[in-house]
Amino acid sequence: VLRHKVIAAAKCGFQASGLELNPWLVWFSRYKAWREGVRRSTSFHISDLWKASFAQYSNVVIFGVPQMMGQLEVKLANELPSSAKVVACRFPFPTWVPESTEGEGIDTVWVYDAKTFRSDQHRKTGKTLLEQKSPPHS
């Protein structure tokens, strides 16, 4: 699933990376990228999504579950550059407003622009994302 998206992005000329906790899936993905001729344009990493930094990415595709989307929304809003795009597959983010939606049912994808969700968050709270995460001073 993720492997297919990373390989497809590489075939379109992108430098593409995949994060996966399961080492067997990472190794299999690396093998498939080699077989598809895009090994040099792809990288697959054994990584916990919650420990990884997204600061270096300009495009993110997420295959999440409803229970994680709220926390992931906060993490991505804090880490992604303002030029980033986020594609959520199967489940939308709870408060972000998508710039477009495609498909239906389990094949639905939502496309989000970081400029929008960062400015919406700032407007709602009057604080920057870093100020929102900082604990109050005693």
N, C-alpha and C. Protein backbone atom coordinates (compact mmCIF):
# COMPACT_ATOMS: atom_id res chain seq x y z
N VAL A 1 0.83 -1.18 0.00
CA VAL A 1 0.00 0.00 0.00
C VAL A 1 0.88 1.25 0.00
N LEU A 2 1.61 1.49 1.10
CA LEU A 2 2.53 2.62 1.14
C LEU A 2 3.61 2.46 0.09
N ARG A 3 4.12 1.24 -0.02
CA ARG A 3 5.18 0.93 -0.98
C ARG A 3 4.76 1.36 -2.38
N HIS A 4 3.51 1.07 -2.76
CA HIS A 4 3.02 1.41 -4.10
C HIS A 4 3.03 2.91 -4.33
N LYS A 5 2.65 3.68 -3.31
CA LYS A 5 2.61 5.15 -3.45
C LYS A 5 4.01 5.73 -3.57
N VAL A 6 4.94 5.21 -2.79
CA VAL A 6 6.33 5.69 -2.85
C VAL A 6 6.93 5.38 -4.22
N ILE A 7 6.74 4.18 -4.69
CA ILE A 7 7.27 3.78 -6.01
C ILE A 7 6.60 4.59 -7.12
N ALA A 8 5.30 4.81 -7.03
CA ALA A 8 4.59 5.62 -8.04
C ALA A 8 5.11 7.05 -8.05
N ALA A 9 5.35 7.63 -6.88
CA ALA A 9 5.89 8.99 -6.80
C ALA A 9 7.28 9.05 -7.43
N ALA A 10 8.11 8.05 -7.17
CA ALA A 10 9.46 8.01 -7.75
C ALA A 10 9.39 7.90 -9.27
N LYS A 11 8.45 7.13 -9.78
CA LYS A 11 8.29 7.01 -11.24
C LYS A 11 7.85 8.32 -11.88
N CYS A 12 7.25 9.21 -11.07
CA CYS A 12 6.84 10.53 -11.58
C CYS A 12 7.93 11.58 -11.41
N GLY A 13 9.11 11.14 -10.93
CA GLY A 13 10.24 12.06 -10.82
C GLY A 13 10.51 12.60 -9.43
N PHE A 14 9.74 12.19 -8.43
CA PHE A 14 9.96 12.66 -7.07
C PHE A 14 11.00 11.81 -6.37
N GLN A 15 11.71 12.41 -5.43
CA GLN A 15 12.51 11.66 -4.48
C GLN A 15 11.52 11.28 -3.38
N ALA A 16 11.28 10.00 -3.16
CA ALA A 16 10.19 9.55 -2.28
C ALA A 16 10.71 8.66 -1.16
N SER A 17 10.14 8.85 0.03
CA SER A 17 10.52 8.07 1.20
C SER A 17 9.29 7.45 1.83
N GLY A 18 9.48 6.29 2.44
CA GLY A 18 8.41 5.62 3.17
C GLY A 18 8.87 5.29 4.57
N LEU A 19 7.99 5.50 5.56
CA LEU A 19 8.27 5.15 6.94
C LEU A 19 7.34 4.01 7.33
N GLU A 20 7.91 2.97 7.90
CA GLU A 20 7.13 1.78 8.27
C GLU A 20 7.77 1.18 9.50
N LEU A 21 6.97 0.74 10.45
CA LEU A 21 7.47 0.14 11.67
C LEU A 21 7.90 -1.32 11.47
N ASN A 22 7.26 -2.01 10.55
CA ASN A 22 7.52 -3.42 10.31
C ASN A 22 8.77 -3.59 9.42
N PRO A 23 9.86 -4.15 9.95
CA PRO A 23 11.09 -4.28 9.15
C PRO A 23 10.92 -5.15 7.91
N TRP A 24 10.09 -6.17 7.97
CA TRP A 24 9.87 -7.04 6.80
C TRP A 24 9.25 -6.26 5.66
N LEU A 25 8.30 -5.39 5.98
CA LEU A 25 7.68 -4.57 4.93
C LEU A 25 8.67 -3.57 4.35
N VAL A 26 9.55 -3.05 5.18
CA VAL A 26 10.59 -2.12 4.68
C VAL A 26 11.51 -2.85 3.72
N TRP A 27 11.98 -4.01 4.10
CA TRP A 27 12.90 -4.77 3.24
C TRP A 27 12.22 -5.18 1.94
N PHE A 28 10.96 -5.60 2.02
CA PHE A 28 10.22 -5.98 0.83
C PHE A 28 10.01 -4.76 -0.09
N SER A 29 9.74 -3.61 0.51
CA SER A 29 9.56 -2.38 -0.26
C SER A 29 10.84 -1.99 -0.99
N ARG A 30 11.96 -2.13 -0.32
CA ARG A 30 13.25 -1.84 -0.95
C ARG A 30 13.48 -2.77 -2.14
N TYR A 31 13.16 -4.03 -1.96
CA TYR A 31 13.29 -5.00 -3.04
C TYR A 31 12.39 -4.62 -4.21
N LYS A 32 11.13 -4.28 -3.94
CA LYS A 32 10.20 -3.92 -5.01
C LYS A 32 10.66 -2.66 -5.74
N ALA A 33 11.21 -1.68 -5.02
CA ALA A 33 11.73 -0.47 -5.67
C ALA A 33 12.88 -0.81 -6.59
N TRP A 34 13.75 -1.74 -6.15
CA TRP A 34 14.86 -2.19 -7.00
C TRP A 34 14.30 -2.86 -8.25
N ARG A 35 13.31 -3.74 -8.09
CA ARG A 35 12.70 -4.45 -9.23
C ARG A 35 12.01 -3.49 -10.20
N GLU A 36 11.46 -2.40 -9.67
CA GLU A 36 10.76 -1.42 -10.51
C GLU A 36 11.71 -0.39 -11.12
N GLY A 37 12.99 -0.46 -10.77
CA GLY A 37 13.99 0.44 -11.35
C GLY A 37 14.03 1.83 -10.75
N VAL A 38 13.50 1.99 -9.53
CA VAL A 38 13.49 3.31 -8.89
C VAL A 38 14.22 3.32 -7.55
N ARG A 39 15.13 2.38 -7.37
CA ARG A 39 15.85 2.27 -6.10
C ARG A 39 16.54 3.56 -5.70
N ARG A 40 17.14 4.26 -6.67
CA ARG A 40 17.89 5.49 -6.36
C ARG A 40 16.97 6.67 -6.03
N SER A 41 15.70 6.58 -6.40
CA SER A 41 14.75 7.66 -6.14
C SER A 41 13.87 7.39 -4.93
N THR A 42 14.10 6.26 -4.27
CA THR A 42 13.27 5.91 -3.12
C THR A 42 14.13 5.59 -1.91
N SER A 43 13.52 5.73 -0.76
CA SER A 43 14.14 5.25 0.48
C SER A 43 13.02 4.78 1.39
N PHE A 44 13.26 3.69 2.06
CA PHE A 44 12.30 3.13 3.01
C PHE A 44 13.00 2.98 4.34
N HIS A 45 12.35 3.46 5.40
CA HIS A 45 12.98 3.49 6.71
C HIS A 45 12.13 2.76 7.74
N ILE A 46 12.79 2.02 8.60
CA ILE A 46 12.13 1.41 9.75
C ILE A 46 12.02 2.53 10.78
N SER A 47 10.81 2.98 11.02
CA SER A 47 10.65 4.15 11.88
C SER A 47 9.27 4.17 12.51
N ASP A 48 9.24 4.63 13.75
CA ASP A 48 7.99 4.88 14.45
C ASP A 48 7.50 6.26 14.00
N LEU A 49 6.31 6.31 13.47
CA LEU A 49 5.72 7.55 12.96
C LEU A 49 5.76 8.66 13.99
N TRP A 50 5.59 8.31 15.25
CA TRP A 50 5.51 9.31 16.32
C TRP A 50 6.89 9.84 16.72
N LYS A 51 7.94 9.10 16.39
CA LYS A 51 9.30 9.54 16.73
C LYS A 51 10.00 10.20 15.55
N ALA A 52 9.47 10.02 14.36
CA ALA A 52 10.08 10.59 13.15
C ALA A 52 9.77 12.08 13.05
N SER A 53 10.69 12.81 12.45
CA SER A 53 10.45 14.23 12.17
C SER A 53 9.99 14.37 10.72
N PHE A 54 9.01 15.21 10.52
CA PHE A 54 8.49 15.47 9.17
C PHE A 54 8.98 16.80 8.62
N ALA A 55 9.89 17.45 9.32
CA ALA A 55 10.34 18.80 8.94
C ALA A 55 10.97 18.86 7.55
N GLN A 56 11.57 17.77 7.08
CA GLN A 56 12.26 17.80 5.79
C GLN A 56 11.36 17.47 4.61
N TYR A 57 10.10 17.14 4.85
CA TYR A 57 9.21 16.70 3.77
C TYR A 57 8.32 17.83 3.27
N SER A 58 8.13 17.87 1.96
CA SER A 58 7.24 18.87 1.36
C SER A 58 5.91 18.24 0.94
N ASN A 59 5.86 16.93 0.85
CA ASN A 59 4.63 16.21 0.53
C ASN A 59 4.55 14.98 1.42
N VAL A 60 3.40 14.76 2.04
CA VAL A 60 3.21 13.63 2.94
C VAL A 60 1.92 12.92 2.56
N VAL A 61 2.00 11.60 2.45
CA VAL A 61 0.81 10.77 2.23
C VAL A 61 0.66 9.88 3.45
N ILE A 62 -0.51 9.92 4.06
CA ILE A 62 -0.77 9.18 5.30
C ILE A 62 -1.87 8.15 5.09
N PHE A 63 -1.60 6.92 5.52
CA PHE A 63 -2.61 5.87 5.61
C PHE A 63 -2.82 5.65 7.10
N GLY A 64 -3.74 6.38 7.69
CA GLY A 64 -3.93 6.30 9.13
C GLY A 64 -5.22 5.59 9.50
N VAL A 65 -5.49 5.59 10.78
CA VAL A 65 -6.75 5.07 11.32
C VAL A 65 -7.39 6.22 12.09
N PRO A 66 -8.71 6.19 12.24
CA PRO A 66 -9.40 7.32 12.89
C PRO A 66 -8.81 7.71 14.26
N GLN A 67 -8.39 6.72 15.05
CA GLN A 67 -7.91 6.98 16.40
C GLN A 67 -6.61 7.80 16.43
N MET A 68 -5.86 7.82 15.34
CA MET A 68 -4.58 8.52 15.35
C MET A 68 -4.63 9.88 14.65
N MET A 69 -5.69 10.17 13.91
CA MET A 69 -5.69 11.35 13.05
C MET A 69 -5.63 12.67 13.83
N GLY A 70 -6.24 12.74 14.99
CA GLY A 70 -6.19 13.98 15.79
C GLY A 70 -4.78 14.30 16.26
N GLN A 71 -4.10 13.31 16.82
CA GLN A 71 -2.72 13.51 17.28
C GLN A 71 -1.78 13.77 16.12
N LEU A 72 -2.01 13.09 15.01
CA LEU A 72 -1.15 13.27 13.84
C LEU A 72 -1.35 14.66 13.24
N GLU A 73 -2.57 15.16 13.30
CA GLU A 73 -2.86 16.51 12.83
C GLU A 73 -1.98 17.53 13.56
N VAL A 74 -1.89 17.41 14.86
CA VAL A 74 -1.07 18.33 15.68
C VAL A 74 0.41 18.16 15.34
N LYS A 75 0.87 16.91 15.26
CA LYS A 75 2.28 16.64 14.96
C LYS A 75 2.69 17.23 13.61
N LEU A 76 1.90 16.98 12.59
CA LEU A 76 2.25 17.49 11.26
C LEU A 76 2.17 19.01 11.20
N ALA A 77 1.18 19.59 11.85
CA ALA A 77 1.06 21.06 11.85
C ALA A 77 2.27 21.70 12.51
N ASN A 78 2.83 21.05 13.51
CA ASN A 78 3.99 21.58 14.20
C ASN A 78 5.29 21.36 13.45
N GLU A 79 5.37 20.32 12.63
CA GLU A 79 6.65 19.95 12.02
C GLU A 79 6.80 20.29 10.54
N LEU A 80 5.73 20.30 9.80
CA LEU A 80 5.85 20.50 8.35
C LEU A 80 6.13 21.95 7.99
N PRO A 81 6.87 22.16 6.91
CA PRO A 81 7.04 23.54 6.42
C PRO A 81 5.71 24.07 5.88
N SER A 82 5.57 25.38 5.83
CA SER A 82 4.30 25.97 5.39
C SER A 82 4.00 25.72 3.91
N SER A 83 4.97 25.24 3.16
CA SER A 83 4.76 24.93 1.74
C SER A 83 4.29 23.49 1.52
N ALA A 84 4.14 22.72 2.57
CA ALA A 84 3.83 21.30 2.44
C ALA A 84 2.39 21.02 2.02
N LYS A 85 2.22 19.87 1.41
CA LYS A 85 0.90 19.31 1.08
C LYS A 85 0.79 17.98 1.81
N VAL A 86 -0.41 17.66 2.29
CA VAL A 86 -0.66 16.41 2.99
C VAL A 86 -1.84 15.72 2.32
N VAL A 87 -1.68 14.45 2.02
CA VAL A 87 -2.76 13.64 1.46
C VAL A 87 -3.11 12.58 2.50
N ALA A 88 -4.37 12.57 2.94
CA ALA A 88 -4.84 11.57 3.89
C ALA A 88 -5.68 10.56 3.11
N CYS A 89 -5.35 9.29 3.25
CA CYS A 89 -6.07 8.22 2.57
C CYS A 89 -6.98 7.49 3.55
N ARG A 90 -8.21 7.30 3.14
CA ARG A 90 -9.25 6.55 3.89
C ARG A 90 -9.91 7.34 5.00
N PHE A 91 -9.13 8.14 5.78
CA PHE A 91 -9.73 8.89 6.88
C PHE A 91 -9.21 10.32 6.87
N PRO A 92 -10.10 11.31 7.03
CA PRO A 92 -9.69 12.72 7.03
C PRO A 92 -9.13 13.14 8.39
N PHE A 93 -8.48 14.27 8.40
CA PHE A 93 -8.05 14.88 9.66
C PHE A 93 -9.28 15.53 10.29
N PRO A 94 -9.36 15.54 11.63
CA PRO A 94 -10.60 15.99 12.27
C PRO A 94 -10.95 17.46 12.12
N THR A 95 -9.96 18.37 12.09
CA THR A 95 -10.32 19.79 12.03
C THR A 95 -9.82 20.51 10.79
N TRP A 96 -8.87 19.94 10.08
CA TRP A 96 -8.38 20.61 8.87
C TRP A 96 -9.44 20.60 7.79
N VAL A 97 -9.44 21.67 7.00
CA VAL A 97 -10.35 21.77 5.86
C VAL A 97 -9.55 21.40 4.61
N PRO A 98 -9.98 20.37 3.88
CA PRO A 98 -9.21 19.95 2.69
C PRO A 98 -9.36 20.96 1.55
N GLU A 99 -8.31 21.06 0.74
CA GLU A 99 -8.42 21.91 -0.46
C GLU A 99 -9.11 21.14 -1.57
N SER A 100 -9.07 19.79 -1.50
CA SER A 100 -9.82 18.97 -2.45
C SER A 100 -10.03 17.58 -1.86
N THR A 101 -11.03 16.89 -2.39
CA THR A 101 -11.35 15.53 -1.99
C THR A 101 -11.63 14.74 -3.25
N GLU A 102 -11.13 13.52 -3.30
CA GLU A 102 -11.33 12.64 -4.45
C GLU A 102 -11.80 11.28 -3.97
N GLY A 103 -12.62 10.60 -4.77
CA GLY A 103 -13.05 9.25 -4.47
C GLY A 103 -14.20 9.20 -3.50
N GLU A 104 -14.53 7.96 -3.11
CA GLU A 104 -15.61 7.77 -2.13
C GLU A 104 -15.36 6.49 -1.35
N GLY A 105 -15.99 6.40 -0.19
CA GLY A 105 -15.82 5.24 0.66
C GLY A 105 -14.38 5.07 1.10
N ILE A 106 -13.90 3.82 1.11
CA ILE A 106 -12.51 3.58 1.55
C ILE A 106 -11.47 4.07 0.55
N ASP A 107 -11.91 4.48 -0.62
CA ASP A 107 -11.00 5.00 -1.63
C ASP A 107 -10.94 6.53 -1.63
N THR A 108 -11.49 7.17 -0.61
CA THR A 108 -11.46 8.62 -0.52
C THR A 108 -10.09 9.11 -0.08
N VAL A 109 -9.64 10.21 -0.70
CA VAL A 109 -8.43 10.90 -0.27
C VAL A 109 -8.75 12.38 -0.10
N TRP A 110 -8.11 12.98 0.91
CA TRP A 110 -8.27 14.39 1.20
C TRP A 110 -6.91 15.05 1.04
N VAL A 111 -6.87 16.18 0.34
CA VAL A 111 -5.63 16.91 0.11
C VAL A 111 -5.68 18.19 0.94
N TYR A 112 -4.63 18.41 1.73
CA TYR A 112 -4.55 19.57 2.61
C TYR A 112 -3.32 20.39 2.28
N ASP A 113 -3.43 21.70 2.45
CA ASP A 113 -2.33 22.62 2.23
C ASP A 113 -1.89 23.16 3.59
N ALA A 114 -0.60 23.06 3.90
CA ALA A 114 -0.10 23.50 5.20
C ALA A 114 -0.36 24.98 5.45
N LYS A 115 -0.34 25.79 4.41
CA LYS A 115 -0.64 27.22 4.60
C LYS A 115 -2.02 27.39 5.23
N THR A 116 -2.96 26.58 4.79
CA THR A 116 -4.33 26.67 5.29
C THR A 116 -4.44 26.19 6.73
N PHE A 117 -3.93 24.98 7.02
CA PHE A 117 -4.13 24.49 8.38
C PHE A 117 -3.27 25.23 9.39
N ARG A 118 -2.15 25.78 8.98
CA ARG A 118 -1.34 26.58 9.91
C ARG A 118 -2.02 27.91 10.19
N SER A 119 -2.56 28.58 9.17
CA SER A 119 -3.20 29.87 9.40
C SER A 119 -4.53 29.69 10.14
N ASP A 120 -5.27 28.60 9.87
CA ASP A 120 -6.51 28.34 10.61
C ASP A 120 -6.21 28.13 12.08
N GLN A 121 -5.17 27.39 12.40
CA GLN A 121 -4.80 27.13 13.79
C GLN A 121 -4.42 28.42 14.49
N HIS A 122 -3.67 29.27 13.80
CA HIS A 122 -3.25 30.55 14.38
C HIS A 122 -4.47 31.45 14.62
N ARG A 123 -5.39 31.49 13.67
CA ARG A 123 -6.60 32.31 13.80
C ARG A 123 -7.46 31.84 14.97
N LYS A 124 -7.58 30.54 15.16
CA LYS A 124 -8.43 30.00 16.23
C LYS A 124 -7.88 30.32 17.61
N THR A 125 -6.57 30.29 17.77
CA THR A 125 -5.99 30.43 19.10
C THR A 125 -5.29 31.77 19.32
N GLY A 126 -4.91 32.44 18.25
CA GLY A 126 -4.14 33.67 18.39
C GLY A 126 -2.70 33.40 18.79
N LYS A 127 -2.29 32.12 18.75
CA LYS A 127 -0.92 31.74 19.12
C LYS A 127 -0.29 30.97 17.99
N THR A 128 1.04 30.98 17.97
CA THR A 128 1.74 30.14 17.02
C THR A 128 1.65 28.70 17.49
N LEU A 129 1.94 27.76 16.61
CA LEU A 129 1.89 26.34 16.99
C LEU A 129 2.87 26.03 18.10
N LEU A 130 4.06 26.64 18.09
CA LEU A 130 5.03 26.39 19.15
C LEU A 130 4.54 26.93 20.49
N GLU A 131 3.89 28.09 20.49
CA GLU A 131 3.34 28.64 21.73
C GLU A 131 2.25 27.73 22.29
N GLN A 132 1.47 27.10 21.40
CA GLN A 132 0.41 26.21 21.85
C GLN A 132 0.97 24.98 22.54
N LYS A 133 2.14 24.51 22.10
CA LYS A 133 2.73 23.31 22.69
C LYS A 133 3.48 23.60 23.98
N SER A 134 3.92 24.84 24.16
CA SER A 134 4.75 25.17 25.32
C SER A 134 3.92 25.13 26.59
N PRO A 135 4.47 24.54 27.66
CA PRO A 135 3.75 24.53 28.94
C PRO A 135 3.75 25.92 29.53
N PRO A 136 2.74 26.25 30.33
CA PRO A 136 2.71 27.58 30.96
C PRO A 136 3.89 27.74 31.93
N HIS A 137 4.36 28.98 32.04
CA HIS A 137 5.46 29.26 32.95
C HIS A 137 4.93 29.35 34.38
N SER A 138 5.71 28.85 35.34
CA SER A 138 5.26 28.90 36.74
C SER A 138 5.74 30.16 37.40
